Amino acid sequence: MSLIPWILLGIICLEHFIFIPALIKRSGVAPVWHGYVPVLNALAILKIIERPWYWLIFLLFVPGINLLMLTIMHVELGIAFGRRSTKAQWLMGALPWIGLAQLSMGDEKYVGPRSWSTTKKGVFRDWAEALLWATVVASAFRIYSFEPFTIPTGSMEGSMLVGDYLFVNKLSYGPKVPQTPFTLPFVHNALPGSLTPSFTSWFSLPYMRLPGIREVERYDAVVFSFPPGDSVFVDPNLVGHDYYGLLRREGIREAGGNIEKFSQSPEVFLTQVRKRAMKRPGLASRPIDKKENYVKRCIGLPGDSLSVVDRQVYINGIAIDNPVHLQYEYRVLFSSPMKFAKCMKLLDLTNVDVNSKQRTNVGFSTLINLTKGEVNQLEKSGLTESIDIMSTTNRKGTLVMFPNTYTSEFNEWTPDDIGPIYIPKEGRKIELNPRNMDMYRRVISAFEGHTIQEDQDGSVIIDGKIRSTYTFEKNYFWMMGDNRHNSADSRMWGFVPEDHIIGCASFTWFSKQNEEQHGESKIRWNRMFKTVQGV
């Protein structure tokens, strides 16, 4: 994080306490001593320029917007003391460090803000001011209360469908103060229709969260910044995916497809892949609040010990309830395509639910994502020849499963069988043994900002000191999709830090199928204004 923006901001705040008292005295709108007191100083400026007191709320609590408000206030200060030429307004807006000093030490009399009752505004100015104010208010609402979110993939299919438009409730867990305030309003991380960043990270703020209504609870549908999304491939088809997973996959190819060979010297192969990727398609980094937004269900809380055994999740050794719309992938055999079509109609399925279909010697074979209730319906319908749940053992030893390390234990993990995994809790101390280093290396380095060196003798050096234990500094969560066989979630990339949590998926306000993904285009009227279900 660059210190220059902070230094400039500090200087302008200091100049307010030095120069504003003189301007208060010349205007006579408040006692001079108000200029030396924080908050009262800002209120005095608003009185000088005759702007409402509630501007102070945006000035203090809406990062990004507050810098725009501050610039407007500086320009209007100059106008209130007669500096109304274009050159003078540009000086106060672009170089307030100089403009404030000149204004305070000058002899211009206070004439008050420009009166628009005697000056006709142009249509352009009318619209510009209305648009500016609407942007300020809407941005504040979006940052601190509710934000719209679209379901782009089928990882939560059943509970939340592709094409659902949700409102994310940021008040539930407490809204985050934007860490990257210089950004275009209403645009997340890229300009529409491109991968050009819509933000600049030259000025950033530390993580801060306002008080919330409650803590994250098990089974909440949580929207969060994608943890592996700090680096991305600059490619529209790859940008939202796990950069580290894609890098690993290409590194294994570089090793001739030999996973064991890759695991013996991963950096050798990953370095070659990175060099190619930097040239084409290109690599980019993103701050926390500009990573891709994901939505999954919170399954594990800080301090939990989690295991998945034969598809059943256990927390601290106890089996937990499954979400109502939990899905798995099944191989369903039909005697003919006609019976498959009847199945689609019976269960109201779309193309999103079907992963493959093909004619075989024994019938029409399909892979379909189904809930337990849908399986029961099919079995009673008489439409199928057989229904078999798909195995995930083909993912053993492929490094796709967290912690993405080649060891005898982790090579046995699959989406249906994983763990035990301790979910980090702030203040909890762990031993830095080889297993824990594999599990928490990224937590310690990427999420908690420490440098790690590991010697061949097994010793671990953190921030230059040999350590045998480590105490977690943050809380973490374990997120999983309801479409368990078709969800890239914590089982593949690990923990979600608390500072990545955005809000709780609250309700669906609109839902629409599209022809490309679903096979037909239509509005789902029955999903309008429905709350997001838990278990």
Protein backbone atom coordinates (compact mmCIF):
# COMPACT_ATOMS: atom_id res chain seq x y z
CA MET A 1 0.00 0.00 0.00
CA SER A 2 1.48 3.36 -1.07
CA LEU A 3 1.94 5.94 1.70
CA ILE A 4 1.81 8.93 -0.66
CA PRO A 5 -2.03 9.18 -0.81
CA TRP A 6 -2.20 8.92 2.98
CA ILE A 7 0.42 11.64 3.37
CA LEU A 8 -1.50 13.95 1.00
CA LEU A 9 -4.77 13.23 2.84
CA GLY A 10 -3.06 13.89 6.17
CA ILE A 11 -1.72 17.20 4.92
CA ILE A 12 -5.15 18.38 3.73
CA CYS A 13 -6.70 17.41 7.09
CA LEU A 14 -3.96 19.33 8.90
CA GLU A 15 -4.49 22.33 6.63
CA HIS A 16 -8.18 22.34 7.58
CA PHE A 17 -7.25 22.94 11.22
CA ILE A 18 -4.71 25.60 10.24
CA PHE A 19 -6.66 27.56 7.62
CA ILE A 20 -10.40 26.98 8.21
CA PRO A 21 -10.52 29.04 11.48
CA ALA A 22 -9.50 32.17 9.54
CA LEU A 23 -12.25 31.50 6.96
CA ILE A 24 -14.80 30.97 9.75
CA LYS A 25 -13.81 34.32 11.26
CA ARG A 26 -14.22 36.14 7.92
CA SER A 27 -17.58 34.48 7.24
CA GLY A 28 -18.96 34.81 10.78
CA VAL A 29 -21.06 31.64 10.45
CA ALA A 30 -19.74 29.96 13.62
CA PRO A 31 -17.38 30.49 16.56
CA VAL A 32 -13.76 30.47 15.42
CA TRP A 33 -12.83 27.71 17.87
CA HIS A 34 -15.02 25.30 15.90
CA GLY A 35 -12.27 25.29 13.27
CA TYR A 36 -9.89 23.54 15.67
CA VAL A 37 -12.28 20.71 16.64
CA PRO A 38 -12.77 17.63 14.44
CA VAL A 39 -16.32 17.22 13.07
CA LEU A 40 -17.18 20.79 14.14
CA ASN A 41 -14.53 21.89 11.66
CA ALA A 42 -16.34 20.05 8.83
CA LEU A 43 -19.74 21.32 9.97
CA ALA A 44 -18.37 24.87 9.86
CA ILE A 45 -17.28 24.37 6.24
CA LEU A 46 -20.81 23.17 5.39
CA LYS A 47 -22.23 26.31 7.03
CA ILE A 48 -19.87 28.53 5.02
CA ILE A 49 -20.94 26.94 1.73
CA GLU A 50 -24.56 26.60 2.95
CA ARG A 51 -24.82 22.88 2.41
CA PRO A 52 -26.95 20.54 4.61
CA TRP A 53 -25.44 18.98 7.74
CA TYR A 54 -26.06 15.40 6.52
CA TRP A 55 -23.29 15.83 3.95
CA LEU A 56 -21.11 15.07 6.96
CA ILE A 57 -22.40 11.47 6.94
CA PHE A 58 -21.11 10.89 3.41
CA LEU A 59 -17.90 12.77 4.21
CA LEU A 60 -17.08 10.56 7.20
CA PHE A 61 -18.55 7.17 6.35
CA VAL A 62 -18.59 6.60 2.58
CA PRO A 63 -15.03 6.00 1.29
CA GLY A 64 -14.53 7.03 -2.33
CA ILE A 65 -17.68 9.12 -2.32
CA ASN A 66 -16.26 11.14 0.58
CA LEU A 67 -13.25 12.19 -1.51
CA LEU A 68 -15.63 13.45 -4.20
CA MET A 69 -17.62 15.33 -1.55
CA LEU A 70 -14.43 16.83 -0.12
CA THR A 71 -13.41 18.09 -3.57
CA ILE A 72 -16.84 19.69 -4.07
CA MET A 73 -16.58 21.35 -0.64
CA HIS A 74 -13.18 22.82 -1.49
CA VAL A 75 -14.45 24.25 -4.79
CA GLU A 76 -17.51 25.75 -3.10
CA LEU A 77 -15.32 27.28 -0.36
CA GLY A 78 -13.51 29.25 -3.03
CA ILE A 79 -16.80 30.27 -4.64
CA ALA A 80 -18.11 31.50 -1.24
CA PHE A 81 -15.17 33.88 -1.06
CA GLY A 82 -15.54 35.16 -4.61
CA ARG A 83 -13.13 32.82 -6.39
CA ARG A 84 -15.45 31.90 -9.23
CA SER A 85 -13.25 31.84 -12.32
CA THR A 86 -12.64 28.49 -14.00
CA LYS A 87 -8.95 28.69 -13.11
CA ALA A 88 -9.70 29.37 -9.42
CA GLN A 89 -12.18 26.50 -9.22
CA TRP A 90 -9.72 24.07 -10.79
CA LEU A 91 -7.06 25.17 -8.30
CA MET A 92 -9.36 24.53 -5.32
CA GLY A 93 -10.51 21.19 -6.71
CA ALA A 94 -7.24 19.74 -7.99
CA LEU A 95 -4.68 21.42 -5.71
CA PRO A 96 -6.49 22.20 -2.44
CA TRP A 97 -3.18 22.07 -0.55
CA ILE A 98 -2.23 25.31 -2.35
CA GLY A 99 -5.73 26.72 -2.81
CA LEU A 100 -6.69 26.57 0.89
CA ALA A 101 -3.51 28.32 1.96
CA GLN A 102 -3.97 31.09 -0.61
CA LEU A 103 -7.64 31.52 0.31
CA SER A 104 -6.93 31.72 4.04
CA MET A 105 -4.10 34.22 3.66
CA GLY A 106 -5.94 36.33 1.05
CA ASP A 107 -8.22 39.29 1.68
CA GLU A 108 -11.31 38.21 -0.27
CA LYS A 109 -14.54 38.95 1.57
CA TYR A 110 -17.14 36.33 2.27
CA VAL A 111 -19.90 36.70 -0.32
CA GLY A 112 -21.65 33.39 0.29
CA PRO A 113 -22.33 30.59 -2.16
CA ARG A 114 -23.44 31.37 -5.68
CA SER A 115 -27.17 32.08 -5.75
CA TRP A 116 -28.90 29.98 -8.36
CA SER A 117 -32.15 31.88 -7.82
CA THR A 118 -30.71 34.76 -9.86
CA THR A 119 -28.55 32.61 -12.13
CA LYS A 120 -30.20 30.39 -14.67
CA LYS A 121 -28.89 26.84 -14.67
CA GLY A 122 -28.48 25.06 -17.95
CA VAL A 123 -30.23 21.78 -18.62
CA PHE A 124 -26.88 19.99 -18.56
CA ARG A 125 -26.05 21.34 -15.09
CA ASP A 126 -29.49 20.41 -13.77
CA TRP A 127 -29.10 16.83 -14.95
CA ALA A 128 -25.45 16.62 -13.85
CA GLU A 129 -26.26 17.71 -10.29
CA ALA A 130 -29.24 15.34 -10.06
CA LEU A 131 -27.14 12.47 -11.40
CA LEU A 132 -24.27 13.24 -9.04
CA TRP A 133 -26.54 13.28 -5.99
CA ALA A 134 -28.33 10.09 -7.09
CA THR A 135 -24.93 8.40 -7.53
CA VAL A 136 -23.84 9.44 -4.04
CA VAL A 137 -27.02 8.16 -2.38
CA ALA A 138 -27.25 4.94 -4.40
CA SER A 139 -23.55 4.15 -3.84
CA ALA A 140 -23.92 4.62 -0.09
CA PHE A 141 -26.97 2.33 -0.07
CA ARG A 142 -25.14 -0.30 -2.11
CA ILE A 143 -22.01 -0.19 0.05
CA TYR A 144 -23.69 -0.27 3.44
CA SER A 145 -27.02 -2.07 3.14
CA PHE A 146 -28.12 -4.18 0.15
CA GLU A 147 -26.37 -4.99 -3.11
CA PRO A 148 -27.77 -6.91 -6.10
CA PHE A 149 -26.03 -10.15 -7.06
CA THR A 150 -26.59 -12.58 -9.94
CA ILE A 151 -26.18 -16.37 -9.78
CA PRO A 152 -23.92 -17.21 -12.75
CA THR A 153 -23.21 -20.93 -12.18
CA GLY A 154 -25.02 -24.03 -10.99
CA SER A 155 -22.96 -24.67 -7.83
CA MET A 156 -25.96 -23.81 -5.61
CA GLU A 157 -28.51 -25.27 -8.04
CA GLY A 158 -31.66 -26.37 -6.30
CA SER A 159 -31.49 -23.67 -3.65
CA MET A 160 -30.40 -20.85 -5.96
CA LEU A 161 -30.74 -21.20 -9.71
CA VAL A 162 -28.67 -19.86 -12.56
CA GLY A 163 -30.39 -16.62 -13.55
CA ASP A 164 -31.59 -15.74 -10.04
CA TYR A 165 -31.13 -12.09 -9.11
CA LEU A 166 -30.54 -11.74 -5.37
CA PHE A 167 -30.17 -8.99 -2.85
CA VAL A 168 -27.19 -9.45 -0.55
CA ASN A 169 -27.88 -8.19 2.95
CA LYS A 170 -24.69 -6.51 4.19
CA LEU A 171 -26.32 -5.42 7.44
CA SER A 172 -26.49 -9.03 8.66
CA TYR A 173 -22.77 -9.41 9.41
CA GLY A 174 -21.93 -5.70 9.31
CA PRO A 175 -21.05 -3.80 6.11
CA LYS A 176 -17.39 -3.57 5.18
CA VAL A 177 -15.81 -0.18 4.60
CA PRO A 178 -14.48 -0.29 1.00
CA GLN A 179 -10.78 -1.11 0.95
CA THR A 180 -10.40 0.19 -2.62
CA PRO A 181 -12.39 3.45 -2.60
CA PHE A 182 -11.27 4.82 -5.98
CA THR A 183 -13.63 2.91 -8.25
CA LEU A 184 -16.36 3.57 -10.77
CA PRO A 185 -19.81 3.51 -9.16
CA PHE A 186 -21.95 0.40 -9.66
CA VAL A 187 -19.14 -1.53 -11.38
CA HIS A 188 -17.44 -4.33 -9.45
CA ASN A 189 -13.96 -4.89 -10.85
CA ALA A 190 -13.90 -4.40 -14.63
CA LEU A 191 -15.36 -2.03 -17.17
CA PRO A 192 -18.47 -3.49 -18.85
CA GLY A 193 -17.60 -5.68 -21.81
CA SER A 194 -13.88 -5.75 -21.01
CA LEU A 195 -11.30 -6.87 -18.46
CA THR A 196 -9.97 -3.34 -17.95
CA PRO A 197 -9.94 -2.64 -14.18
CA SER A 198 -12.68 -0.27 -13.02
CA PHE A 199 -10.66 0.72 -9.96
CA THR A 200 -7.25 1.97 -8.94
CA SER A 201 -5.52 0.55 -5.87
CA TRP A 202 -3.01 3.38 -5.46
CA PHE A 203 -5.06 4.47 -2.44
CA SER A 204 -6.39 1.73 -0.17
CA LEU A 205 -7.88 1.43 3.29
CA PRO A 206 -7.33 -1.25 5.96
CA TYR A 207 -10.03 -3.82 6.67
CA MET A 208 -12.84 -2.34 8.76
CA ARG A 209 -16.33 -3.71 9.35
CA LEU A 210 -19.22 -1.87 10.97
CA PRO A 211 -21.29 -3.66 13.64
CA GLY A 212 -23.72 -6.22 12.25
CA ILE A 213 -27.01 -7.70 13.36
CA ARG A 214 -25.49 -11.15 13.94
CA GLU A 215 -22.55 -13.44 13.24
CA VAL A 216 -22.27 -15.84 10.30
CA GLU A 217 -24.28 -18.96 11.14
CA ARG A 218 -24.10 -22.50 9.86
CA TYR A 219 -26.23 -23.03 6.71
CA ASP A 220 -26.25 -19.31 5.81
CA ALA A 221 -25.98 -18.67 2.06
CA VAL A 222 -22.97 -16.36 2.15
CA VAL A 223 -21.63 -14.06 -0.55
CA PHE A 224 -17.86 -13.58 -0.26
CA SER A 225 -14.79 -12.48 -2.19
CA PHE A 226 -13.23 -15.55 -3.84
CA PRO A 227 -10.11 -16.34 -1.70
CA PRO A 228 -7.86 -17.57 -4.57
CA GLY A 229 -8.89 -14.55 -6.68
CA ASP A 230 -5.96 -12.32 -5.69
CA SER A 231 -4.39 -13.24 -9.04
CA VAL A 232 -6.30 -13.81 -12.29
CA PHE A 233 -5.66 -14.76 -15.88
CA VAL A 234 -6.66 -11.84 -18.10
CA ASP A 235 -9.01 -13.94 -20.16
CA PRO A 236 -12.83 -13.73 -20.11
CA ASN A 237 -13.17 -17.52 -19.88
CA LEU A 238 -10.64 -17.91 -17.05
CA VAL A 239 -10.86 -14.74 -14.99
CA GLY A 240 -13.46 -16.01 -12.52
CA HIS A 241 -11.78 -19.36 -11.91
CA ASP A 242 -9.20 -20.56 -9.39
CA TYR A 243 -5.91 -19.11 -10.64
CA TYR A 244 -3.82 -21.43 -8.48
CA GLY A 245 -5.77 -24.49 -9.57
CA LEU A 246 -5.34 -23.57 -13.24
CA LEU A 247 -1.65 -22.88 -12.67
CA ARG A 248 -1.22 -26.28 -11.02
CA ARG A 249 -3.02 -28.01 -13.87
CA GLU A 250 -0.70 -26.41 -16.45
CA GLY A 251 2.31 -27.16 -14.26
CA ILE A 252 1.40 -30.86 -14.25
CA ARG A 253 1.16 -30.73 -18.05
CA GLU A 254 4.60 -29.14 -18.06
CA ALA A 255 5.81 -32.17 -16.08
CA GLY A 256 4.47 -34.47 -18.78
CA GLY A 257 1.31 -35.24 -16.86
CA ASN A 258 3.31 -36.92 -14.09
CA ILE A 259 1.78 -35.61 -10.84
CA GLU A 260 4.44 -37.15 -8.61
CA LYS A 261 7.23 -35.60 -10.71
CA PHE A 262 5.47 -32.22 -10.53
CA SER A 263 5.09 -32.50 -6.74
CA GLN A 264 8.80 -33.10 -6.22
CA SER A 265 9.72 -29.69 -7.72
CA PRO A 266 6.49 -27.73 -8.24
CA GLU A 267 8.07 -24.27 -8.44
CA VAL A 268 10.28 -25.34 -11.35
CA PHE A 269 7.22 -26.13 -13.47
CA LEU A 270 4.98 -23.34 -12.10
CA THR A 271 7.62 -20.72 -12.90
CA GLN A 272 7.64 -21.81 -16.54
CA VAL A 273 3.85 -21.63 -16.71
CA ARG A 274 3.77 -18.16 -15.08
CA LYS A 275 6.29 -16.79 -17.59
CA ARG A 276 4.12 -17.94 -20.48
CA ALA A 277 0.94 -16.68 -18.83
CA MET A 278 2.41 -13.22 -18.22
CA LYS A 279 2.84 -12.87 -21.97
CA ARG A 280 -0.40 -14.54 -22.95
CA PRO A 281 -3.15 -14.15 -21.83
CA GLY A 282 -1.57 -11.95 -19.14
CA LEU A 283 -1.81 -11.89 -15.36
CA ALA A 284 -3.36 -9.31 -13.05
CA SER A 285 -3.70 -8.90 -9.31
CA ARG A 286 -6.80 -7.82 -7.41
CA PRO A 287 -7.34 -6.48 -3.89
CA ILE A 288 -9.74 -8.29 -1.55
CA ASP A 289 -12.84 -6.24 -2.31
CA LYS A 290 -12.27 -6.48 -6.08
CA LYS A 291 -11.98 -10.25 -6.27
CA GLU A 292 -14.79 -12.18 -7.95
CA ASN A 293 -17.89 -12.60 -5.78
CA TYR A 294 -18.95 -16.16 -4.94
CA VAL A 295 -21.99 -17.52 -3.11
CA LYS A 296 -21.89 -20.79 -1.16
CA ARG A 297 -23.43 -22.23 1.98
CA CYS A 298 -21.49 -21.89 5.22
CA ILE A 299 -20.92 -25.40 6.55
CA GLY A 300 -17.99 -24.96 8.95
CA LEU A 301 -17.49 -22.18 11.52
CA PRO A 302 -14.26 -20.99 13.19
CA GLY A 303 -13.02 -23.61 15.63
CA ASP A 304 -14.94 -26.50 14.04
CA SER A 305 -13.35 -29.79 13.08
CA LEU A 306 -14.92 -30.88 9.77
CA SER A 307 -14.96 -34.18 7.92
CA VAL A 308 -16.93 -35.51 4.96
CA VAL A 309 -17.40 -39.28 5.06
CA ASP A 310 -19.28 -40.96 2.22
CA ARG A 311 -20.90 -37.61 1.31
CA GLN A 312 -22.12 -36.91 4.87
CA VAL A 313 -20.65 -33.85 6.61
CA TYR A 314 -19.55 -34.26 10.23
CA ILE A 315 -18.79 -31.33 12.52
CA ASN A 316 -16.80 -32.21 15.65
CA GLY A 317 -17.66 -35.86 15.02
CA ILE A 318 -21.44 -35.32 14.74
CA ALA A 319 -23.38 -35.67 11.47
CA ILE A 320 -25.13 -32.41 10.58
CA ASP A 321 -28.41 -31.85 8.74
CA ASN A 322 -28.19 -31.54 4.98
CA PRO A 323 -29.71 -28.62 3.02
CA VAL A 324 -33.20 -29.35 1.66
CA HIS A 325 -32.14 -29.02 -1.97
CA LEU A 326 -28.81 -30.87 -1.70
CA GLN A 327 -27.86 -32.38 -5.08
CA TYR A 328 -25.46 -35.02 -6.35
CA GLU A 329 -24.62 -36.23 -9.82
CA TYR A 330 -26.31 -39.46 -10.94
CA ARG A 331 -25.90 -41.67 -13.97
CA VAL A 332 -29.46 -42.24 -15.16
CA LEU A 333 -30.15 -44.79 -17.89
CA PHE A 334 -33.29 -44.49 -20.02
CA SER A 335 -34.50 -46.95 -22.63
CA SER A 336 -35.09 -44.10 -25.10
CA PRO A 337 -34.58 -40.32 -25.55
CA MET A 338 -38.37 -39.97 -25.31
CA LYS A 339 -38.36 -41.21 -21.71
CA PHE A 340 -35.50 -38.82 -20.94
CA ALA A 341 -37.62 -35.94 -22.30
CA LYS A 342 -40.52 -37.05 -20.05
CA CYS A 343 -38.13 -37.08 -17.10
CA MET A 344 -37.08 -33.50 -17.86
CA LYS A 345 -40.71 -32.41 -17.92
CA LEU A 346 -41.65 -34.39 -14.81
CA LEU A 347 -38.90 -32.86 -12.68
CA ASP A 348 -38.92 -29.47 -14.43
CA LEU A 349 -35.22 -29.83 -15.26
CA THR A 350 -33.21 -27.64 -17.66
CA ASN A 351 -29.94 -28.00 -19.54
CA VAL A 352 -28.11 -26.70 -16.43
CA ASP A 353 -29.10 -29.89 -14.59
CA VAL A 354 -27.83 -32.24 -17.31
CA ASN A 355 -24.06 -32.72 -17.58
CA SER A 356 -24.03 -35.19 -20.47
CA LYS A 357 -26.26 -37.44 -22.57
CA GLN A 358 -25.43 -40.10 -25.15
CA ARG A 359 -26.80 -43.17 -26.85
CA THR A 360 -25.20 -46.44 -25.78
CA ASN A 361 -25.70 -50.13 -26.58
CA VAL A 362 -27.93 -50.48 -23.52
CA GLY A 363 -29.99 -47.30 -23.85
CA PHE A 364 -29.83 -43.52 -23.45
CA SER A 365 -27.24 -42.69 -20.76
CA THR A 366 -27.25 -39.33 -18.97
CA LEU A 367 -25.49 -37.56 -16.10
CA ILE A 368 -28.00 -35.46 -14.14
CA ASN A 369 -27.79 -33.42 -10.93
CA LEU A 370 -30.64 -34.56 -8.68
CA THR A 371 -31.93 -34.05 -5.16
CA LYS A 372 -32.97 -37.01 -3.01
CA GLY A 373 -36.61 -36.13 -3.61
CA GLU A 374 -36.12 -36.08 -7.38
CA VAL A 375 -34.43 -39.48 -7.25
CA ASN A 376 -37.44 -40.87 -5.37
CA GLN A 377 -39.80 -39.39 -7.98
CA LEU A 378 -37.84 -40.96 -10.82
CA GLU A 379 -37.75 -44.36 -9.15
CA LYS A 380 -41.54 -44.29 -8.76
CA SER A 381 -42.14 -42.98 -12.30
CA GLY A 382 -40.99 -46.11 -14.10
CA LEU A 383 -39.17 -43.97 -16.69
CA THR A 384 -35.66 -45.18 -15.87
CA GLU A 385 -33.71 -48.39 -16.28
CA SER A 386 -31.24 -47.53 -13.50
CA ILE A 387 -30.15 -44.63 -11.28
CA ASP A 388 -26.64 -44.72 -9.80
CA ILE A 389 -24.87 -42.02 -7.85
CA MET A 390 -21.54 -41.07 -9.40
CA SER A 391 -18.26 -41.87 -7.69
CA THR A 392 -15.63 -39.16 -7.19
CA THR A 393 -12.69 -41.52 -6.59
CA ASN A 394 -11.21 -40.44 -9.94
CA ARG A 395 -10.07 -37.23 -8.20
CA LYS A 396 -7.79 -39.06 -5.78
CA GLY A 397 -4.15 -38.02 -6.04
CA THR A 398 -4.83 -35.34 -8.68
CA LEU A 399 -4.02 -32.33 -6.46
CA VAL A 400 -7.47 -30.85 -7.11
CA MET A 401 -8.51 -31.40 -3.48
CA PHE A 402 -7.50 -29.06 -0.69
CA PRO A 403 -4.76 -28.70 0.52
CA ASN A 404 -3.56 -29.52 -3.01
CA THR A 405 -0.50 -31.38 -1.70
CA TYR A 406 0.86 -34.76 -2.76
CA THR A 407 0.96 -36.92 0.40
CA SER A 408 -0.36 -40.36 1.24
CA GLU A 409 -3.17 -38.87 3.36
CA PHE A 410 -4.30 -36.07 1.07
CA ASN A 411 -4.11 -38.27 -2.04
CA GLU A 412 -7.07 -40.23 -0.63
CA TRP A 413 -9.33 -37.18 -0.34
CA THR A 414 -12.25 -36.69 -2.74
CA PRO A 415 -15.29 -34.37 -2.76
CA ASP A 416 -17.21 -37.16 -0.97
CA ASP A 417 -14.50 -38.02 1.58
CA ILE A 418 -12.28 -35.36 3.10
CA GLY A 419 -10.83 -34.46 6.47
CA PRO A 420 -10.52 -34.10 9.36
CA ILE A 421 -9.85 -30.39 8.88
CA TYR A 422 -9.62 -27.88 11.70
CA ILE A 423 -11.12 -24.51 10.68
CA PRO A 424 -8.91 -21.72 12.08
CA LYS A 425 -10.24 -19.56 14.90
CA GLU A 426 -8.69 -16.30 16.04
CA GLY A 427 -6.38 -16.87 19.02
CA ARG A 428 -6.09 -20.65 18.54
CA LYS A 429 -2.51 -21.99 18.60
CA ILE A 430 -1.36 -24.90 16.42
CA GLU A 431 1.83 -26.90 16.14
CA LEU A 432 3.80 -26.25 12.95
CA ASN A 433 4.21 -29.87 11.89
CA PRO A 434 4.35 -30.94 8.20
CA ARG A 435 0.60 -31.67 8.01
CA ASN A 436 -0.37 -28.33 9.51
CA MET A 437 2.04 -26.48 7.25
CA ASP A 438 0.38 -28.06 4.22
CA MET A 439 -3.02 -27.14 5.62
CA TYR A 440 -2.36 -23.57 6.78
CA ARG A 441 0.60 -22.30 4.73
CA ARG A 442 -1.61 -20.00 2.64
CA VAL A 443 -3.50 -18.83 5.73
CA ILE A 444 -0.26 -17.73 7.41
CA SER A 445 1.31 -16.13 4.33
CA ALA A 446 -1.43 -14.83 1.99
CA PHE A 447 -4.26 -14.12 4.44
CA GLU A 448 -2.31 -13.06 7.53
CA GLY A 449 0.65 -11.46 5.77
CA HIS A 450 3.67 -13.31 7.17
CA THR A 451 6.76 -14.49 5.33
CA ILE A 452 7.54 -18.20 5.64
CA GLN A 453 10.78 -20.11 5.08
CA GLU A 454 11.00 -23.86 5.54
CA ASP A 455 14.40 -25.49 6.00
CA GLN A 456 15.24 -29.01 4.94
CA ASP A 457 15.60 -30.05 8.59
CA GLY A 458 11.89 -29.28 9.10
CA SER A 459 12.25 -26.00 10.97
CA VAL A 460 9.83 -23.20 10.08
CA ILE A 461 10.94 -19.56 10.01
CA ILE A 462 8.15 -16.97 10.17
CA ASP A 463 9.11 -13.31 9.73
CA GLY A 464 12.76 -14.23 10.31
CA LYS A 465 12.21 -16.19 13.57
CA ILE A 466 12.21 -19.96 14.05
CA ARG A 467 8.76 -20.98 15.23
CA SER A 468 7.35 -24.29 16.45
CA THR A 469 3.78 -22.97 16.92
CA TYR A 470 1.54 -20.39 15.31
CA THR A 471 -1.47 -18.48 16.66
CA PHE A 472 -4.20 -17.59 14.15
CA GLU A 473 -5.01 -13.89 13.83
CA LYS A 474 -8.38 -14.19 12.05
CA ASN A 475 -11.49 -16.32 11.93
CA TYR A 476 -12.13 -18.53 8.91
CA PHE A 477 -15.11 -20.35 7.41
CA TRP A 478 -15.73 -23.46 5.31
CA MET A 479 -18.10 -22.96 2.35
CA MET A 480 -19.71 -25.64 0.20
CA GLY A 481 -22.16 -25.56 -2.70
CA ASP A 482 -25.49 -27.39 -2.48
CA ASN A 483 -24.76 -29.00 -5.86
CA ARG A 484 -22.04 -31.09 -4.22
CA HIS A 485 -20.62 -32.89 -7.26
CA ASN A 486 -20.56 -29.72 -9.37
CA SER A 487 -19.25 -27.03 -7.04
CA ALA A 488 -15.75 -25.61 -6.79
CA ASP A 489 -15.71 -24.74 -3.10
CA SER A 490 -13.65 -25.04 0.09
CA ARG A 491 -13.08 -28.73 -0.64
CA MET A 492 -10.89 -27.60 -3.56
CA TRP A 493 -9.33 -24.31 -2.37
CA GLY A 494 -9.73 -24.11 1.39
CA PHE A 495 -10.78 -21.50 3.92
CA VAL A 496 -12.66 -18.21 3.56
CA PRO A 497 -11.17 -15.48 5.80
CA GLU A 498 -13.56 -13.26 7.75
CA ASP A 499 -12.41 -10.14 5.87
CA HIS A 500 -13.62 -11.77 2.62
CA ILE A 501 -17.22 -12.07 3.84
CA ILE A 502 -19.55 -9.61 2.06
CA GLY A 503 -23.04 -10.46 3.26
CA CYS A 504 -25.91 -12.93 3.46
CA ALA A 505 -27.91 -13.84 0.36
CA SER A 506 -31.30 -12.53 1.45
CA PHE A 507 -34.00 -12.96 -1.18
CA THR A 508 -34.57 -13.42 -4.90
CA TRP A 509 -36.19 -10.36 -6.45
CA PHE A 510 -36.11 -11.58 -10.07
CA SER A 511 -35.35 -14.83 -11.88
CA LYS A 512 -34.95 -15.60 -15.56
CA GLN A 513 -33.91 -18.57 -17.64
CA ASN A 514 -31.84 -17.95 -20.76
CA GLU A 515 -31.88 -20.04 -23.89
CA GLU A 516 -28.13 -20.60 -24.01
CA GLN A 517 -27.90 -22.27 -20.58
CA HIS A 518 -31.41 -23.58 -19.98
CA GLY A 519 -32.69 -24.40 -23.46
CA GLU A 520 -35.46 -21.81 -23.33
CA SER A 521 -35.89 -18.22 -22.25
CA LYS A 522 -38.55 -17.32 -19.71
CA ILE A 523 -39.17 -15.46 -16.47
CA ARG A 524 -39.59 -17.67 -13.39
CA TRP A 525 -42.52 -15.88 -11.80
CA ASN A 526 -42.76 -18.45 -8.99
CA ARG A 527 -39.30 -17.45 -7.68
CA MET A 528 -39.93 -13.71 -7.48
CA PHE A 529 -39.48 -12.20 -4.00
CA LYS A 530 -38.68 -15.53 -2.36
CA THR A 531 -36.26 -15.76 0.58
CA VAL A 532 -33.15 -17.92 0.23
CA GLN A 533 -33.68 -21.19 2.10
CA GLY A 534 -31.37 -22.81 4.62
CA VAL A 535 -31.92 -26.38 5.83
